[in-house]
């Protein structure tokens, strides 16, 4: 589990409770992960269309696409919830 999930939980008890909340939410988070992976895949598939190069503000469009991809990847990485032993 990424440390970001436990930020703000100051005591060992608070960390334990936060971890339990996340672990118990795993199924819902996996659904969200699947949704985001699909969106990322669609974005990557559509980003290489030849028509996109005919847009006068192509550089801004490409920057936006790259930012979206980076954000999706970061969230997907956060959703990799593995219970530590």
PDB file of N, CA and C in Angstrom:
ATOM      1  N   UNK A   1       0.844  -1.168   0.000  1.00  0.00           N
ATOM      2  CA  UNK A   1       0.000   0.000   0.000  1.00  0.00           C
ATOM      3  C   UNK A   1       0.896   1.240   0.000  1.00  0.00           C
ATOM      4  N   UNK A   2       0.573   2.164  -0.859  1.00  0.00           N
ATOM      5  CA  UNK A   2       1.356   3.400  -0.954  1.00  0.00           C
ATOM      6  C   UNK A   2       1.180   4.234   0.307  1.00  0.00           C
ATOM      7  N   UNK A   3       2.233   4.898   0.704  1.00  0.00           N
ATOM      8  CA  UNK A   3       2.253   5.687   1.931  1.00  0.00           C
ATOM      9  C   UNK A   3       1.251   6.841   1.886  1.00  0.00           C
ATOM     10  N   UNK A   4       0.908   7.308   0.682  1.00  0.00           N
ATOM     11  CA  UNK A   4      -0.040   8.411   0.545  1.00  0.00           C
ATOM     12  C   UNK A   4      -1.378   8.105   1.203  1.00  0.00           C
ATOM     13  N   UNK A   5      -1.760   6.830   1.221  1.00  0.00           N
ATOM     14  CA  UNK A   5      -3.031   6.436   1.821  1.00  0.00           C
ATOM     15  C   UNK A   5      -3.054   6.686   3.328  1.00  0.00           C
ATOM     16  N   UNK A   6      -1.898   6.698   3.949  1.00  0.00           N
ATOM     17  CA  UNK A   6      -1.833   6.832   5.404  1.00  0.00           C
ATOM     18  C   UNK A   6      -1.478   8.238   5.876  1.00  0.00           C
ATOM     19  N   UNK A   7      -1.209   9.140   4.945  1.00  0.00           N
ATOM     20  CA  UNK A   7      -0.869  10.511   5.335  1.00  0.00           C
ATOM     21  C   UNK A   7      -2.030  11.146   6.087  1.00  0.00           C
ATOM     22  N   UNK A   8      -1.688  11.862   7.130  1.00  0.00           N
ATOM     23  CA  UNK A   8      -2.701  12.502   7.953  1.00  0.00           C
ATOM     24  C   UNK A   8      -3.150  11.655   9.126  1.00  0.00           C
ATOM     25  N   UNK A   9      -2.894  10.362   9.060  1.00  0.00           N
ATOM     26  CA  UNK A   9      -3.214   9.476  10.184  1.00  0.00           C
ATOM     27  C   UNK A   9      -2.000   9.502  11.107  1.00  0.00           C
ATOM     28  N   UNK A  10      -2.125  10.202  12.220  1.00  0.00           N
ATOM     29  CA  UNK A  10      -0.963  10.500  13.058  1.00  0.00           C
ATOM     30  C   UNK A  10      -0.590   9.377  14.034  1.00  0.00           C
ATOM     31  N   UNK A  11      -1.561   8.700  14.582  1.00  0.00           N
ATOM     32  CA  UNK A  11      -1.272   7.670  15.586  1.00  0.00           C
ATOM     33  C   UNK A  11      -1.272   6.291  14.942  1.00  0.00           C
ATOM     34  N   UNK A  12      -0.633   5.325  15.577  1.00  0.00           N
ATOM     35  CA  UNK A  12      -0.680   3.963  15.046  1.00  0.00           C
ATOM     36  C   UNK A  12      -2.119   3.445  14.903  1.00  0.00           C
ATOM     37  N   UNK A  13      -2.986   3.805  15.847  1.00  0.00           N
ATOM     38  CA  UNK A  13      -4.387   3.379  15.775  1.00  0.00           C
ATOM     39  C   UNK A  13      -5.077   4.010  14.567  1.00  0.00           C
ATOM     40  N   UNK A  14      -4.811   5.283  14.332  1.00  0.00           N
ATOM     41  CA  UNK A  14      -5.412   5.970  13.183  1.00  0.00           C
ATOM     42  C   UNK A  14      -4.924   5.359  11.874  1.00  0.00           C
ATOM     43  N   UNK A  15      -3.656   5.003  11.817  1.00  0.00           N
ATOM     44  CA  UNK A  15      -3.107   4.361  10.620  1.00  0.00           C
ATOM     45  C   UNK A  15      -3.744   3.004  10.398  1.00  0.00           C
ATOM     46  N   UNK A  16      -3.928   2.262  11.480  1.00  0.00           N
ATOM     47  CA  UNK A  16      -4.555   0.936  11.393  1.00  0.00           C
ATOM     48  C   UNK A  16      -5.992   1.061  10.885  1.00  0.00           C
ATOM     49  N   UNK A  17      -6.720   2.054  11.413  1.00  0.00           N
ATOM     50  CA  UNK A  17      -8.103   2.264  10.979  1.00  0.00           C
ATOM     51  C   UNK A  17      -8.167   2.696   9.519  1.00  0.00           C
ATOM     52  N   UNK A  18      -7.276   3.600   9.111  1.00  0.00           N
ATOM     53  CA  UNK A  18      -7.245   4.057   7.718  1.00  0.00           C
ATOM     54  C   UNK A  18      -6.942   2.891   6.788  1.00  0.00           C
ATOM     55  N   UNK A  19      -5.978   2.064   7.178  1.00  0.00           N
ATOM     56  CA  UNK A  19      -5.612   0.912   6.358  1.00  0.00           C
ATOM     57  C   UNK A  19      -6.792  -0.046   6.220  1.00  0.00           C
ATOM     58  N   UNK A  20      -7.532  -0.260   7.296  1.00  0.00           N
ATOM     59  CA  UNK A  20      -8.702  -1.139   7.244  1.00  0.00           C
ATOM     60  C   UNK A  20      -9.763  -0.585   6.295  1.00  0.00           C
ATOM     61  N   UNK A  21      -9.955   0.727   6.322  1.00  0.00           N
ATOM     62  CA  UNK A  21     -10.929   1.351   5.421  1.00  0.00           C
ATOM     63  C   UNK A  21     -10.542   1.100   3.965  1.00  0.00           C
ATOM     64  N   UNK A  22      -9.271   1.295   3.667  1.00  0.00           N
ATOM     65  CA  UNK A  22      -8.800   1.118   2.287  1.00  0.00           C
ATOM     66  C   UNK A  22      -8.913  -0.344   1.865  1.00  0.00           C
ATOM     67  N   UNK A  23      -8.476  -1.248   2.727  1.00  0.00           N
ATOM     68  CA  UNK A  23      -8.532  -2.679   2.400  1.00  0.00           C
ATOM     69  C   UNK A  23      -9.979  -3.117   2.200  1.00  0.00           C
ATOM     70  N   UNK A  24     -10.889  -2.630   3.028  1.00  0.00           N
ATOM     71  CA  UNK A  24     -12.296  -2.999   2.893  1.00  0.00           C
ATOM     72  C   UNK A  24     -12.953  -2.386   1.662  1.00  0.00           C
ATOM     73  N   UNK A  25     -12.321  -1.387   1.095  1.00  0.00           N
ATOM     74  CA  UNK A  25     -12.840  -0.733  -0.114  1.00  0.00           C
ATOM     75  C   UNK A  25     -12.194  -1.292  -1.381  1.00  0.00           C
ATOM     76  N   UNK A  26     -11.409  -2.324  -1.243  1.00  0.00           N
ATOM     77  CA  UNK A  26     -10.618  -2.834  -2.360  1.00  0.00           C
ATOM     78  C   UNK A  26     -11.450  -3.165  -3.595  1.00  0.00           C
ATOM     79  N   UNK A  27     -12.608  -3.802  -3.413  1.00  0.00           N
ATOM     80  CA  UNK A  27     -13.423  -4.177  -4.576  1.00  0.00           C
ATOM     81  C   UNK A  27     -13.867  -2.954  -5.369  1.00  0.00           C
ATOM     82  N   UNK A  28     -14.326  -1.925  -4.679  1.00  0.00           N
ATOM     83  CA  UNK A  28     -14.740  -0.703  -5.361  1.00  0.00           C
ATOM     84  C   UNK A  28     -13.572  -0.013  -6.036  1.00  0.00           C
ATOM     85  N   UNK A  29     -12.416  -0.024  -5.381  1.00  0.00           N
ATOM     86  CA  UNK A  29     -11.231   0.586  -5.961  1.00  0.00           C
ATOM     87  C   UNK A  29     -10.761  -0.176  -7.197  1.00  0.00           C
ATOM     88  N   UNK A  30     -10.950  -1.488  -7.202  1.00  0.00           N
ATOM     89  CA  UNK A  30     -10.598  -2.278  -8.388  1.00  0.00           C
ATOM     90  C   UNK A  30     -11.506  -1.938  -9.569  1.00  0.00           C
ATOM     91  N   UNK A  31     -12.776  -1.682  -9.285  1.00  0.00           N
ATOM     92  CA  UNK A  31     -13.701  -1.261 -10.348  1.00  0.00           C
ATOM     93  C   UNK A  31     -13.240   0.089 -10.911  1.00  0.00           C
ATOM     94  N   UNK A  32     -12.896   1.015 -10.031  1.00  0.00           N
ATOM     95  CA  UNK A  32     -12.393   2.316 -10.467  1.00  0.00           C
ATOM     96  C   UNK A  32     -11.121   2.164 -11.281  1.00  0.00           C
ATOM     97  N   UNK A  33     -10.245   1.280 -10.851  1.00  0.00           N
ATOM     98  CA  UNK A  33      -8.993   1.031 -11.572  1.00  0.00           C
ATOM     99  C   UNK A  33      -9.262   0.541 -12.985  1.00  0.00           C
ATOM    100  N   UNK A  34     -10.213  -0.366 -13.134  1.00  0.00           N
ATOM    101  CA  UNK A  34     -10.576  -0.892 -14.453  1.00  0.00           C
ATOM    102  C   UNK A  34     -11.131   0.218 -15.346  1.00  0.00           C
ATOM    103  N   UNK A  35     -11.966   1.065 -14.774  1.00  0.00           N
ATOM    104  CA  UNK A  35     -12.534   2.191 -15.531  1.00  0.00           C
ATOM    105  C   UNK A  35     -11.419   3.110 -16.023  1.00  0.00           C
ATOM    106  N   UNK A  36     -10.494   3.445 -15.136  1.00  0.00           N
ATOM    107  CA  UNK A  36      -9.407   4.349 -15.508  1.00  0.00           C
ATOM    108  C   UNK A  36      -8.462   3.716 -16.525  1.00  0.00           C
ATOM    109  N   UNK A  37      -8.215   2.420 -16.410  1.00  0.00           N
ATOM    110  CA  UNK A  37      -7.361   1.740 -17.389  1.00  0.00           C
ATOM    111  C   UNK A  37      -8.009   1.760 -18.766  1.00  0.00           C
ATOM    112  N   UNK A  38      -9.335   1.600 -18.814  1.00  0.00           N
ATOM    113  CA  UNK A  38     -10.063   1.663 -20.082  1.00  0.00           C
ATOM    114  C   UNK A  38      -9.981   3.067 -20.674  1.00  0.00           C
ATOM    115  N   UNK A  39     -10.176   4.087 -19.834  1.00  0.00           N
ATOM    116  CA  UNK A  39     -10.077   5.468 -20.304  1.00  0.00           C
ATOM    117  C   UNK A  39      -8.671   5.782 -20.821  1.00  0.00           C
ATOM    118  N   UNK A  40      -7.655   5.293 -20.117  1.00  0.00           N
ATOM    119  CA  UNK A  40      -6.279   5.509 -20.544  1.00  0.00           C
ATOM    120  C   UNK A  40      -6.025   4.826 -21.881  1.00  0.00           C
ATOM    121  N   UNK A  41      -6.494   3.610 -22.026  1.00  0.00           N
ATOM    122  CA  UNK A  41      -6.315   2.879 -23.280  1.00  0.00           C
ATOM    123  C   UNK A  41      -7.007   3.599 -24.436  1.00  0.00           C
ATOM    124  N   UNK A  42      -8.232   4.070 -24.199  1.00  0.00           N
ATOM    125  CA  UNK A  42      -8.955   4.807 -25.244  1.00  0.00           C
ATOM    126  C   UNK A  42      -8.239   6.095 -25.609  1.00  0.00           C
ATOM    127  N   UNK A  43      -7.714   6.777 -24.615  1.00  0.00           N
ATOM    128  CA  UNK A  43      -6.977   8.020 -24.856  1.00  0.00           C
ATOM    129  C   UNK A  43      -5.735   7.745 -25.696  1.00  0.00           C
ATOM    130  N   UNK A  44      -5.020   6.683 -25.362  1.00  0.00           N
ATOM    131  CA  UNK A  44      -3.810   6.335 -26.115  1.00  0.00           C
ATOM    132  C   UNK A  44      -4.147   5.913 -27.539  1.00  0.00           C
ATOM    133  N   UNK A  45      -5.248   5.177 -27.713  1.00  0.00           N
ATOM    134  CA  UNK A  45      -5.660   4.762 -29.052  1.00  0.00           C
ATOM    135  C   UNK A  45      -6.055   5.953 -29.917  1.00  0.00           C
ATOM    136  N   UNK A  46      -6.766   6.905 -29.328  1.00  0.00           N
ATOM    137  CA  UNK A  46      -7.250   8.061 -30.074  1.00  0.00           C
ATOM    138  C   UNK A  46      -6.181   9.132 -30.273  1.00  0.00           C
ATOM    139  N   UNK A  47      -5.124   9.079 -29.495  1.00  0.00           N
ATOM    140  CA  UNK A  47      -4.087  10.114 -29.567  1.00  0.00           C
ATOM    141  C   UNK A  47      -3.242  10.012 -30.829  1.00  0.00           C
ATOM    142  N   UNK A  48      -3.326   8.913 -31.528  1.00  0.00           N
ATOM    143  CA  UNK A  48      -2.476   8.721 -32.707  1.00  0.00           C
ATOM    144  C   UNK A  48      -3.250   8.853 -34.023  1.00  0.00           C
ATOM    145  N   UNK A  49      -4.445   9.400 -33.975  1.00  0.00           N
ATOM    146  CA  UNK A  49      -5.221   9.579 -35.197  1.00  0.00           C
ATOM    147  C   UNK A  49      -4.605  10.683 -36.049  1.00  0.00           C
ATOM    148  N   UNK A  50      -4.535  10.461 -37.341  1.00  0.00           N
ATOM    149  CA  UNK A  50      -3.930  11.417 -38.263  1.00  0.00           C
ATOM    150  C   UNK A  50      -4.690  12.745 -38.284  1.00  0.00           C
ATOM    151  N   UNK A  51      -5.999  12.709 -38.067  1.00  0.00           N
ATOM    152  CA  UNK A  51      -6.799  13.939 -38.096  1.00  0.00           C
ATOM    153  C   UNK A  51      -6.371  14.924 -37.008  1.00  0.00           C
ATOM    154  N   UNK A  52      -5.853  14.414 -35.919  1.00  0.00           N
ATOM    155  CA  UNK A  52      -5.442  15.292 -34.822  1.00  0.00           C
ATOM    156  C   UNK A  52      -4.292  16.211 -35.229  1.00  0.00           C
ATOM    157  N   UNK A  53      -3.499  15.793 -36.191  1.00  0.00           N
ATOM    158  CA  UNK A  53      -2.367  16.612 -36.621  1.00  0.00           C
ATOM    159  C   UNK A  53      -2.794  17.803 -37.467  1.00  0.00           C
ATOM    160  N   UNK A  54      -4.026  17.791 -37.951  1.00  0.00           N
ATOM    161  CA  UNK A  54      -4.536  18.886 -38.778  1.00  0.00           C
ATOM    162  C   UNK A  54      -5.121  20.027 -37.953  1.00  0.00           C
ATOM    163  N   UNK A  55      -5.078  19.910 -36.654  1.00  0.00           N
ATOM    164  CA  UNK A  55      -5.610  20.938 -35.768  1.00  0.00           C
ATOM    165  C   UNK A  55      -4.530  22.008 -35.572  1.00  0.00           C
ATOM    166  N   UNK A  56      -4.935  23.275 -35.686  1.00  0.00           N
ATOM    167  CA  UNK A  56      -3.945  24.353 -35.603  1.00  0.00           C
ATOM    168  C   UNK A  56      -3.288  24.438 -34.225  1.00  0.00           C
ATOM    169  N   UNK A  57      -3.986  24.048 -33.187  1.00  0.00           N
ATOM    170  CA  UNK A  57      -3.410  24.094 -31.840  1.00  0.00           C
ATOM    171  C   UNK A  57      -2.997  22.682 -31.388  1.00  0.00           C
ATOM    172  N   UNK A  58      -2.385  21.944 -32.281  1.00  0.00           N
ATOM    173  CA  UNK A  58      -1.994  20.560 -32.023  1.00  0.00           C
ATOM    174  C   UNK A  58      -1.107  20.433 -30.784  1.00  0.00           C
ATOM    175  N   UNK A  59      -0.194  21.363 -30.594  1.00  0.00           N
ATOM    176  CA  UNK A  59       0.724  21.274 -29.447  1.00  0.00           C
ATOM    177  C   UNK A  59      -0.051  21.337 -28.128  1.00  0.00           C
ATOM    178  N   UNK A  60      -1.070  22.192 -28.057  1.00  0.00           N
ATOM    179  CA  UNK A  60      -1.877  22.284 -26.844  1.00  0.00           C
ATOM    180  C   UNK A  60      -2.700  21.018 -26.638  1.00  0.00           C
ATOM    181  N   UNK A  61      -3.228  20.489 -27.727  1.00  0.00           N
ATOM    182  CA  UNK A  61      -3.988  19.243 -27.665  1.00  0.00           C
ATOM    183  C   UNK A  61      -3.098  18.109 -27.169  1.00  0.00           C
ATOM    184  N   UNK A  62      -1.892  18.030 -27.694  1.00  0.00           N
ATOM    185  CA  UNK A  62      -0.958  16.975 -27.291  1.00  0.00           C
ATOM    186  C   UNK A  62      -0.558  17.131 -25.828  1.00  0.00           C
ATOM    187  N   UNK A  63      -0.340  18.365 -25.393  1.00  0.00           N
ATOM    188  CA  UNK A  63       0.009  18.617 -23.988  1.00  0.00           C
ATOM    189  C   UNK A  63      -1.133  18.194 -23.074  1.00  0.00           C
ATOM    190  N   UNK A  64      -2.356  18.471 -23.482  1.00  0.00           N
ATOM    191  CA  UNK A  64      -3.517  18.072 -22.692  1.00  0.00           C
ATOM    192  C   UNK A  64      -3.621  16.551 -22.601  1.00  0.00           C
ATOM    193  N   UNK A  65      -3.425  15.889 -23.719  1.00  0.00           N
ATOM    194  CA  UNK A  65      -3.477  14.422 -23.752  1.00  0.00           C
ATOM    195  C   UNK A  65      -2.393  13.836 -22.851  1.00  0.00           C
ATOM    196  N   UNK A  66      -1.183  14.380 -22.941  1.00  0.00           N
ATOM    197  CA  UNK A  66      -0.087  13.883 -22.109  1.00  0.00           C
ATOM    198  C   UNK A  66      -0.374  14.090 -20.625  1.00  0.00           C
ATOM    199  N   UNK A  67      -0.963  15.222 -20.281  1.00  0.00           N
ATOM    200  CA  UNK A  67      -1.317  15.482 -18.893  1.00  0.00           C
ATOM    201  C   UNK A  67      -2.374  14.515 -18.391  1.00  0.00           C
ATOM    202  N   UNK A  68      -3.376  14.251 -19.229  1.00  0.00           N
ATOM    203  CA  UNK A  68      -4.416  13.280 -18.856  1.00  0.00           C
ATOM    204  C   UNK A  68      -3.818  11.894 -18.649  1.00  0.00           C
ATOM    205  N   UNK A  69      -2.956  11.489 -19.569  1.00  0.00           N
ATOM    206  CA  UNK A  69      -2.332  10.168 -19.449  1.00  0.00           C
ATOM    207  C   UNK A  69      -1.513  10.065 -18.171  1.00  0.00           C
ATOM    208  N   UNK A  70      -0.748  11.096 -17.865  1.00  0.00           N
ATOM    209  CA  UNK A  70       0.076  11.103 -16.662  1.00  0.00           C
ATOM    210  C   UNK A  70      -0.800  10.998 -15.405  1.00  0.00           C
ATOM    211  N   UNK A  71      -1.911  11.736 -15.391  1.00  0.00           N
ATOM    212  CA  UNK A  71      -2.821  11.710 -14.248  1.00  0.00           C
ATOM    213  C   UNK A  71      -3.472  10.347 -14.088  1.00  0.00           C
ATOM    214  N   UNK A  72      -3.961   9.772 -15.194  1.00  0.00           N
ATOM    215  CA  UNK A  72      -4.561   8.438 -15.123  1.00  0.00           C
ATOM    216  C   UNK A  72      -3.556   7.429 -14.579  1.00  0.00           C
ATOM    217  N   UNK A  73      -2.332   7.480 -15.084  1.00  0.00           N
ATOM    218  CA  UNK A  73      -1.311   6.525 -14.637  1.00  0.00           C
ATOM    219  C   UNK A  73      -1.000   6.684 -13.152  1.00  0.00           C
ATOM    220  N   UNK A  74      -0.951   7.930 -12.681  1.00  0.00           N
ATOM    221  CA  UNK A  74      -0.662   8.177 -11.268  1.00  0.00           C
ATOM    222  C   UNK A  74      -1.780   7.630 -10.378  1.00  0.00           C
ATOM    223  N   UNK A  75      -3.028   7.851 -10.777  1.00  0.00           N
ATOM    224  CA  UNK A  75      -4.155   7.350  -9.986  1.00  0.00           C
ATOM    225  C   UNK A  75      -4.202   5.824 -10.025  1.00  0.00           C
ATOM    226  N   UNK A  76      -3.980   5.243 -11.196  1.00  0.00           N
ATOM    227  CA  UNK A  76      -3.955   3.785 -11.307  1.00  0.00           C
ATOM    228  C   UNK A  76      -2.875   3.209 -10.404  1.00  0.00           C
ATOM    229  N   UNK A  77      -1.729   3.873 -10.354  1.00  0.00           N
ATOM    230  CA  UNK A  77      -0.649   3.417  -9.471  1.00  0.00           C
ATOM    231  C   UNK A  77      -1.076   3.495  -8.005  1.00  0.00           C
ATOM    232  N   UNK A  78      -1.769   4.548  -7.626  1.00  0.00           N
ATOM    233  CA  UNK A  78      -2.260   4.668  -6.256  1.00  0.00           C
ATOM    234  C   UNK A  78      -3.267   3.571  -5.912  1.00  0.00           C
ATOM    235  N   UNK A  79      -4.010   3.115  -6.912  1.00  0.00           N
ATOM    236  CA  UNK A  79      -5.027   2.112  -6.685  1.00  0.00           C
ATOM    237  C   UNK A  79      -4.481   0.693  -6.608  1.00  0.00           C
ATOM    238  N   UNK A  80      -3.186   0.548  -6.715  1.00  0.00           N
ATOM    239  CA  UNK A  80      -2.560  -0.771  -6.553  1.00  0.00           C
ATOM    240  C   UNK A  80      -2.461  -1.049  -5.047  1.00  0.00           C
ATOM    241  N   UNK A  81      -3.560  -1.547  -4.504  1.00  0.00           N
ATOM    242  CA  UNK A  81      -3.648  -1.782  -3.061  1.00  0.00           C
ATOM    243  C   UNK A  81      -3.249  -3.227  -2.781  1.00  0.00           C
ATOM    244  N   UNK A  82      -2.156  -3.366  -2.085  1.00  0.00           N
ATOM    245  CA  UNK A  82      -1.710  -4.688  -1.679  1.00  0.00           C
ATOM    246  C   UNK A  82      -1.595  -4.692  -0.176  1.00  0.00           C
ATOM    247  N   UNK A  83      -2.204  -5.670   0.436  1.00  0.00           N
ATOM    248  CA  UNK A  83      -2.167  -5.763   1.880  1.00  0.00           C
ATOM    249  C   UNK A  83      -0.796  -6.220   2.323  1.00  0.00           C
ATOM    250  N   UNK A  84      -0.116  -5.416   3.139  1.00  0.00           N
ATOM    251  CA  UNK A  84       1.185  -5.802   3.641  1.00  0.00           C
ATOM    252  C   UNK A  84       1.019  -6.787   4.788  1.00  0.00           C
ATOM    253  N   UNK A  85       1.967  -7.684   4.891  1.00  0.00           N
ATOM    254  CA  UNK A  85       1.864  -8.730   5.908  1.00  0.00           C
ATOM    255  C   UNK A  85       2.560  -8.336   7.172  1.00  0.00           C
TER     256      UNK A  85
END
